N, C-alpha and C. Protein backbone atom coordinates (compact mmCIF):
# COMPACT_ATOMS: atom_id res chain seq x y z
N MET A 1 -12.76 2.79 -1.94
CA MET A 1 -11.96 2.15 -2.75
C MET A 1 -12.53 0.54 -2.55
N ASN A 2 -12.37 -0.01 -3.62
CA ASN A 2 -13.20 -1.39 -3.58
C ASN A 2 -11.84 -2.33 -3.57
N LEU A 3 -11.61 -3.57 -3.17
CA LEU A 3 -10.80 -4.67 -3.43
C LEU A 3 -10.67 -5.30 -5.02
N THR A 4 -9.75 -5.31 -5.38
CA THR A 4 -9.45 -6.35 -6.84
C THR A 4 -10.00 -7.58 -6.33
N ASN A 5 -9.90 -8.41 -7.36
CA ASN A 5 -9.75 -9.43 -7.24
C ASN A 5 -8.62 -10.42 -6.62
N LYS A 6 -7.47 -9.66 -7.15
CA LYS A 6 -6.29 -9.80 -6.53
C LYS A 6 -5.61 -9.75 -5.13
N GLN A 7 -6.76 -8.52 -4.57
CA GLN A 7 -6.38 -8.37 -3.13
C GLN A 7 -7.30 -9.21 -2.09
N LYS A 8 -8.78 -9.36 -2.82
CA LYS A 8 -9.47 -10.45 -2.26
C LYS A 8 -9.04 -11.69 -2.11
N ASP A 9 -8.05 -12.35 -3.41
CA ASP A 9 -7.33 -13.76 -3.53
C ASP A 9 -6.64 -13.87 -2.32
N PHE A 10 -5.50 -12.58 -2.30
CA PHE A 10 -4.26 -12.43 -1.45
C PHE A 10 -5.14 -12.56 -0.05
N ILE A 11 -5.78 -11.82 0.47
CA ILE A 11 -6.51 -12.22 1.61
C ILE A 11 -6.87 -13.15 1.97
N LYS A 12 -7.72 -14.12 1.05
CA LYS A 12 -8.43 -15.66 1.01
C LYS A 12 -7.06 -16.52 1.62
N LEU A 13 -5.78 -16.54 1.23
CA LEU A 13 -4.44 -17.39 0.70
C LEU A 13 -4.03 -17.03 2.39
N LEU A 14 -4.39 -15.97 2.75
CA LEU A 14 -3.63 -15.42 4.06
C LEU A 14 -4.35 -16.00 4.94
N SER A 15 -5.60 -16.17 5.01
CA SER A 15 -6.37 -16.26 6.15
C SER A 15 -6.67 -18.05 6.11
N GLY A 16 -6.15 -18.42 4.51
CA GLY A 16 -6.08 -19.90 4.70
C GLY A 16 -5.05 -20.76 5.28
N PHE A 17 -4.17 -19.84 5.00
CA PHE A 17 -2.48 -19.92 5.83
C PHE A 17 -2.50 -20.10 7.16
N LEU A 18 -3.06 -18.67 7.77
CA LEU A 18 -3.13 -18.83 9.11
C LEU A 18 -4.21 -19.56 9.81
N SER A 19 -5.25 -20.06 9.02
CA SER A 19 -6.35 -21.10 9.41
C SER A 19 -5.59 -22.59 9.38
N ALA A 20 -4.74 -22.93 8.64
CA ALA A 20 -4.23 -24.19 8.74
C ALA A 20 -2.98 -24.03 9.27
N LEU A 21 -2.04 -22.91 9.94
CA LEU A 21 -1.02 -23.34 10.80
C LEU A 21 -1.67 -23.46 12.10
N LEU A 22 -2.42 -22.49 12.72
CA LEU A 22 -3.75 -23.11 14.10
C LEU A 22 -3.17 -24.51 14.09
N PRO A 23 -4.01 -25.51 13.57
CA PRO A 23 -3.79 -26.77 13.99
C PRO A 23 -2.51 -27.12 13.77
N PHE A 24 -1.98 -27.16 13.05
CA PHE A 24 -0.36 -27.26 12.74
C PHE A 24 0.57 -27.30 14.20
N LEU A 25 0.38 -25.73 14.39
CA LEU A 25 1.18 -25.59 15.68
C LEU A 25 0.39 -26.54 16.87
N ALA A 26 -1.00 -26.83 17.08
CA ALA A 26 -1.21 -27.22 18.39
C ALA A 26 -0.84 -28.81 18.32
N ILE A 27 -0.50 -29.33 17.29
CA ILE A 27 -0.28 -30.91 16.79
C ILE A 27 1.03 -30.95 17.32
N MET A 28 2.01 -29.80 17.11
CA MET A 28 3.04 -29.63 17.44
C MET A 28 3.71 -29.34 19.02
N GLY A 29 2.64 -28.93 19.62
CA GLY A 29 2.67 -28.77 21.13
C GLY A 29 2.85 -27.42 21.51
N ILE A 30 2.40 -26.67 20.48
CA ILE A 30 2.80 -25.31 20.90
C ILE A 30 1.65 -24.65 20.40
N SER A 31 1.43 -23.62 21.43
CA SER A 31 0.41 -22.92 21.64
C SER A 31 0.65 -21.04 22.25
N PHE A 32 -0.26 -20.72 21.76
CA PHE A 32 -0.41 -19.17 22.02
C PHE A 32 -1.44 -18.47 22.68
N GLU A 33 -1.85 -18.59 23.55
CA GLU A 33 -3.21 -18.03 24.02
C GLU A 33 -3.94 -17.40 22.88
N TRP A 34 -2.98 -16.03 22.69
CA TRP A 34 -3.56 -15.16 21.64
C TRP A 34 -3.99 -15.54 20.31
N PHE A 35 -3.50 -16.28 19.70
CA PHE A 35 -3.61 -17.22 18.37
C PHE A 35 -4.53 -17.78 18.54
N ASN A 36 -6.17 -17.67 18.11
CA ASN A 36 -7.13 -18.70 18.15
C ASN A 36 -8.24 -18.17 17.01
N GLU A 37 -9.36 -18.89 16.50
CA GLU A 37 -9.94 -18.27 15.50
C GLU A 37 -10.22 -16.88 15.54
N ASP A 38 -10.78 -16.08 16.69
CA ASP A 38 -11.49 -14.99 16.39
C ASP A 38 -9.91 -13.92 16.10
N SER A 39 -8.59 -14.44 16.52
CA SER A 39 -7.82 -13.74 16.17
C SER A 39 -7.28 -13.44 15.15
N ILE A 40 -7.37 -14.67 14.33
CA ILE A 40 -6.78 -14.74 13.05
C ILE A 40 -8.23 -14.02 12.04
N ASN A 41 -9.45 -14.46 12.31
CA ASN A 41 -10.45 -13.43 11.66
C ASN A 41 -10.39 -11.81 11.68
N ALA A 42 -10.11 -11.07 13.07
CA ALA A 42 -9.96 -9.82 13.21
C ALA A 42 -8.64 -9.69 12.28
N PHE A 43 -7.63 -10.51 12.59
CA PHE A 43 -6.35 -10.10 11.12
C PHE A 43 -6.84 -9.89 9.66
N ILE A 44 -7.62 -11.05 9.63
CA ILE A 44 -7.84 -10.85 8.19
C ILE A 44 -8.57 -9.80 8.06
N PHE A 45 -9.45 -8.92 8.86
CA PHE A 45 -10.80 -8.18 8.59
C PHE A 45 -9.87 -6.91 8.42
N LEU A 46 -8.38 -6.83 9.41
CA LEU A 46 -7.18 -5.54 9.71
C LEU A 46 -6.96 -5.71 8.27
N VAL A 47 -6.83 -6.60 7.45
CA VAL A 47 -5.89 -6.67 6.57
C VAL A 47 -6.41 -6.43 5.19
N GLY A 48 -8.09 -6.86 5.32
CA GLY A 48 -8.53 -6.72 4.46
C GLY A 48 -9.14 -4.46 4.56
N ALA A 49 -9.20 -4.25 5.50
CA ALA A 49 -9.02 -2.76 5.72
C ALA A 49 -7.73 -1.57 5.41
N LEU A 50 -6.70 -2.46 5.55
CA LEU A 50 -5.28 -1.52 5.30
C LEU A 50 -5.00 -1.72 3.78
N ILE A 51 -5.73 -2.86 3.36
CA ILE A 51 -5.23 -2.90 1.41
C ILE A 51 -5.47 -1.47 1.53
N PRO A 52 -7.10 -1.44 1.37
CA PRO A 52 -7.79 -0.34 0.23
C PRO A 52 -7.33 1.03 1.00
N PHE A 53 -6.62 1.51 2.64
CA PHE A 53 -6.01 2.32 2.85
C PHE A 53 -4.98 2.91 2.56
N LEU A 54 -3.98 1.85 2.14
CA LEU A 54 -2.65 2.26 1.87
C LEU A 54 -2.80 2.49 -0.11
N GLY A 55 -3.20 1.85 -0.71
CA GLY A 55 -3.71 2.19 -2.16
C GLY A 55 -4.04 3.64 -1.99
N SER A 56 -5.24 3.77 -1.13
CA SER A 56 -5.59 5.44 -1.23
C SER A 56 -4.19 6.11 -0.49
N LEU A 57 -3.63 5.73 0.20
CA LEU A 57 -2.32 6.54 0.84
C LEU A 57 -0.94 7.36 -0.22
N TYR A 58 -0.89 5.61 -1.18
CA TYR A 58 -0.18 5.70 -2.20
C TYR A 58 -0.83 6.89 -3.91
N ALA A 59 -1.82 6.56 -3.69
CA ALA A 59 -2.30 7.75 -4.85
C ALA A 59 -2.63 8.95 -3.82
N THR A 60 -2.62 9.44 -2.78
CA THR A 60 -2.91 10.91 -2.60
C THR A 60 -1.32 11.17 -2.41
N TRP A 61 -0.50 10.48 -2.11
CA TRP A 61 1.34 10.72 -2.22
C TRP A 61 1.47 10.82 -3.64
N MET A 62 1.19 10.11 -4.48
CA MET A 62 1.64 10.56 -5.76
C MET A 62 1.49 11.48 -6.78
N ASN A 63 -0.11 11.76 -6.38
CA ASN A 63 -0.94 12.77 -7.02
C ASN A 63 -0.93 14.24 -5.93
N THR A 64 -0.65 14.03 -4.74
CA THR A 64 -0.07 15.69 -4.06
C THR A 64 1.64 15.88 -4.10
N PHE A 65 2.23 14.88 -3.67
CA PHE A 65 4.18 15.46 -3.75
C PHE A 65 4.50 15.17 -4.91
N TYR A 66 4.55 13.83 -5.30
CA TYR A 66 5.15 13.64 -6.69
C TYR A 66 4.94 14.24 -7.58
N ARG A 67 3.69 14.11 -8.06
CA ARG A 67 3.35 14.72 -9.43
C ARG A 67 3.75 16.13 -9.25
N GLY A 68 3.21 16.44 -8.29
CA GLY A 68 3.51 18.47 -7.64
C GLY A 68 5.09 18.80 -7.85
N GLU A 69 6.04 18.08 -7.40
CA GLU A 69 7.27 18.31 -7.40
C GLU A 69 8.09 17.79 -8.82
N ILE A 70 7.60 16.91 -9.83
CA ILE A 70 8.21 16.73 -11.05
C ILE A 70 7.02 17.97 -11.81
N ALA A 71 6.20 18.71 -11.90
CA ALA A 71 5.74 19.72 -12.44
C ALA A 71 6.45 20.85 -11.69
N PHE A 72 6.84 20.91 -10.74
CA PHE A 72 7.72 22.03 -10.26
C PHE A 72 8.94 22.32 -10.96
N LYS A 73 9.68 20.95 -10.90
CA LYS A 73 10.88 20.96 -11.42
C LYS A 73 11.08 21.16 -12.93
N HIS A 74 10.05 20.92 -13.85
CA HIS A 74 9.66 21.26 -15.10
C HIS A 74 9.54 22.76 -15.01
N ALA A 75 8.92 23.22 -14.45
CA ALA A 75 8.38 24.76 -14.75
C ALA A 75 9.66 25.18 -14.21
N GLU A 76 10.24 24.85 -13.62
CA GLU A 76 11.63 25.62 -12.97
C GLU A 76 13.06 25.49 -14.25
N LYS A 77 12.70 24.46 -15.03
CA LYS A 77 13.76 24.66 -15.82
C LYS A 77 13.29 25.19 -17.11
N LYS A 78 11.66 25.18 -17.41
CA LYS A 78 11.05 26.10 -18.26
C LYS A 78 11.53 27.47 -18.14
N ARG A 79 11.34 27.88 -16.62
CA ARG A 79 11.85 29.18 -16.40
C ARG A 79 13.42 30.21 -16.74
N ILE A 80 14.08 29.19 -16.38
CA ILE A 80 15.82 29.19 -16.68
C ILE A 80 16.18 29.21 -18.09
N LYS A 81 15.39 27.97 -18.82
CA LYS A 81 15.65 28.19 -19.86
C LYS A 81 15.05 29.17 -20.70
N GLN A 82 14.28 29.99 -20.33
CA GLN A 82 13.65 31.36 -21.01
C GLN A 82 14.27 32.22 -20.75
N GLU A 83 15.00 32.40 -19.29
CA GLU A 83 15.79 33.08 -18.78
C GLU A 83 17.35 33.35 -19.61
N GLU A 84 17.54 32.74 -20.03
CA GLU A 84 18.86 32.21 -20.48
C GLU A 84 18.75 32.75 -22.35
N ASN A 85 17.66 32.45 -23.00
CA ASN A 85 17.55 32.81 -23.81
C ASN A 85 17.26 34.07 -24.05
N THR A 86 16.57 35.10 -23.25
CA THR A 86 16.56 36.21 -22.74
C THR A 86 17.60 37.26 -22.71
N LYS A 87 18.50 36.63 -21.81
CA LYS A 87 20.06 37.44 -21.78
C LYS A 87 20.62 37.29 -22.96
N VAL A 88 20.55 36.70 -23.64
CA VAL A 88 21.15 36.25 -24.89
C VAL A 88 20.62 37.11 -25.88
N GLY A 89 19.61 37.28 -25.93
CA GLY A 89 18.52 38.34 -27.01
C GLY A 89 17.76 37.64 -27.65
N LEU A 90 17.58 36.41 -27.72
CA LEU A 90 16.95 35.50 -28.70
C LEU A 90 14.82 36.01 -28.78
């Protein structure tokens, strides 16, 4: 699954925000050893891989479970209606 332009833009905005946050925190005298350019790049890479994964997971859930459950409920209602019509003699 490829990323859409909106998803790519979101990742770019997130990357820009984190990259701007790093020097801001340094100016304020707040520093974390783990928060550096390498960790930002790794996090952006993770987000870039996570978005298509979540999209695939949602599509699988929708096609396998949700729509299957709706089809089952529809078939159950149809079966009950046919049984009622049979009992009445229609």
